[in-house]
Amino acid sequence: MLEDPTEFMTELVQHCLDSKMKLPFVICGIGINGSVLAYRFREPGTDMELLAHHFEADGFVFPVRLILLDAAGGMEVANLDPGGPEIGQ
């Protein structure tokens, strides 16, 4: 079980900023058991805004897929699994 995918969401945001993707971003984390987190990230130095969430009784279960969309229609995906996180899956 994964306690909280938001730490890796922050790494994904930084990767996308470094890649010159256009703000704001919408980031969704989806677990295979149906647990979901969705955030909006408007600009560096601000917190992510929680848009939606749903947690199953067992929390987030591996693997968790992260999808980030930018204001220009760009997309980045990442995978969190027991072997570690990977961007660009």
Protein backbone atom coordinates (compact mmCIF):
# COMPACT_ATOMS: atom_id res chain seq x y z
CA MET A 1 0.00 0.00 0.00
CA LEU A 2 1.19 3.51 -0.82
CA GLU A 3 0.47 6.02 1.95
CA ASP A 4 0.63 9.27 -0.05
CA PRO A 5 1.58 9.81 -3.70
CA THR A 6 1.79 13.62 -3.36
CA GLU A 7 5.55 13.64 -2.71
CA PHE A 8 6.19 12.08 -6.10
CA MET A 9 3.56 14.41 -7.65
CA THR A 10 5.85 17.28 -6.61
CA GLU A 11 8.78 15.62 -8.42
CA LEU A 12 6.62 15.16 -11.50
CA VAL A 13 5.62 18.86 -11.44
CA GLN A 14 9.29 19.89 -11.26
CA HIS A 15 10.15 17.60 -14.17
CA CYS A 16 7.37 19.19 -16.25
CA LEU A 17 8.45 22.72 -15.31
CA ASP A 18 12.01 21.84 -16.36
CA SER A 19 10.58 20.53 -19.64
CA LYS A 20 8.94 23.93 -20.30
CA MET A 21 5.36 22.65 -20.09
CA LYS A 22 2.72 25.39 -19.76
CA LEU A 23 1.06 26.22 -16.44
CA PRO A 24 -1.42 25.58 -14.93
CA PHE A 25 -1.13 21.80 -14.59
CA VAL A 26 -3.76 19.28 -13.56
CA ILE A 27 -2.29 16.17 -11.94
CA CYS A 28 -4.25 12.99 -11.26
CA GLY A 29 -3.10 9.97 -9.29
CA ILE A 30 -5.11 6.79 -9.88
CA GLY A 31 -4.59 3.55 -7.98
CA ILE A 32 -5.54 0.17 -9.42
CA ASN A 33 -8.13 -0.20 -6.67
CA GLY A 34 -9.98 3.02 -7.61
CA SER A 35 -8.37 5.47 -5.17
CA VAL A 36 -7.98 8.88 -6.86
CA LEU A 37 -6.35 12.27 -6.13
CA ALA A 38 -6.62 15.25 -8.49
CA TYR A 39 -4.77 18.56 -8.02
CA ARG A 40 -4.29 21.85 -9.86
CA PHE A 41 -0.85 23.49 -9.79
CA ARG A 42 -0.91 27.15 -10.84
CA GLU A 43 2.62 28.48 -10.25
CA PRO A 44 5.91 27.72 -8.48
CA GLY A 45 5.94 28.69 -4.82
CA THR A 46 2.26 27.90 -4.31
CA ASP A 47 0.57 24.79 -2.98
CA MET A 48 -1.31 22.41 -5.20
CA GLU A 49 -5.09 22.89 -5.01
CA LEU A 50 -7.04 19.72 -4.27
CA LEU A 51 -9.73 19.26 -6.94
CA ALA A 52 -11.05 15.79 -6.13
CA HIS A 53 -10.27 12.73 -4.07
CA HIS A 54 -11.62 9.29 -3.33
CA PHE A 55 -9.90 6.72 -1.15
CA GLU A 56 -10.78 3.06 -0.95
CA ALA A 57 -10.50 1.44 2.49
CA ASP A 58 -7.01 0.13 1.70
CA GLY A 59 -5.72 3.51 0.43
CA PHE A 60 -3.61 3.64 -2.72
CA VAL A 61 -2.50 0.22 -3.93
CA PHE A 62 0.43 -0.28 -6.33
CA PRO A 63 0.76 0.42 -9.11
CA VAL A 64 -0.41 4.04 -9.11
CA ARG A 65 -0.53 5.93 -12.40
CA LEU A 66 0.09 9.69 -12.43
CA ILE A 67 -1.10 11.78 -15.35
CA LEU A 68 -0.19 15.45 -15.71
CA LEU A 69 -1.90 17.71 -18.28
CA ASP A 70 -0.69 21.22 -19.07
CA ALA A 71 -2.47 24.33 -20.40
CA ALA A 72 -1.30 23.67 -23.96
CA GLY A 73 -2.62 20.09 -24.09
CA GLY A 74 0.72 18.50 -23.27
CA MET A 75 0.80 15.35 -21.17
CA GLU A 76 3.31 13.48 -19.03
CA VAL A 77 2.68 10.15 -17.33
CA ALA A 78 4.46 8.40 -14.51
CA ASN A 79 4.15 5.09 -12.72
CA LEU A 80 4.59 4.38 -9.02
CA ASP A 81 5.16 0.76 -8.14
CA PRO A 82 7.12 -1.24 -5.56
CA GLY A 83 10.23 -0.99 -7.77
CA GLY A 84 10.17 2.81 -7.47
CA PRO A 85 8.74 5.74 -9.39
CA GLU A 86 9.37 6.26 -13.10
CA ILE A 87 8.46 9.30 -15.21
CA GLY A 88 7.62 8.78 -18.87
CA GLN A 89 5.94 5.41 -18.67
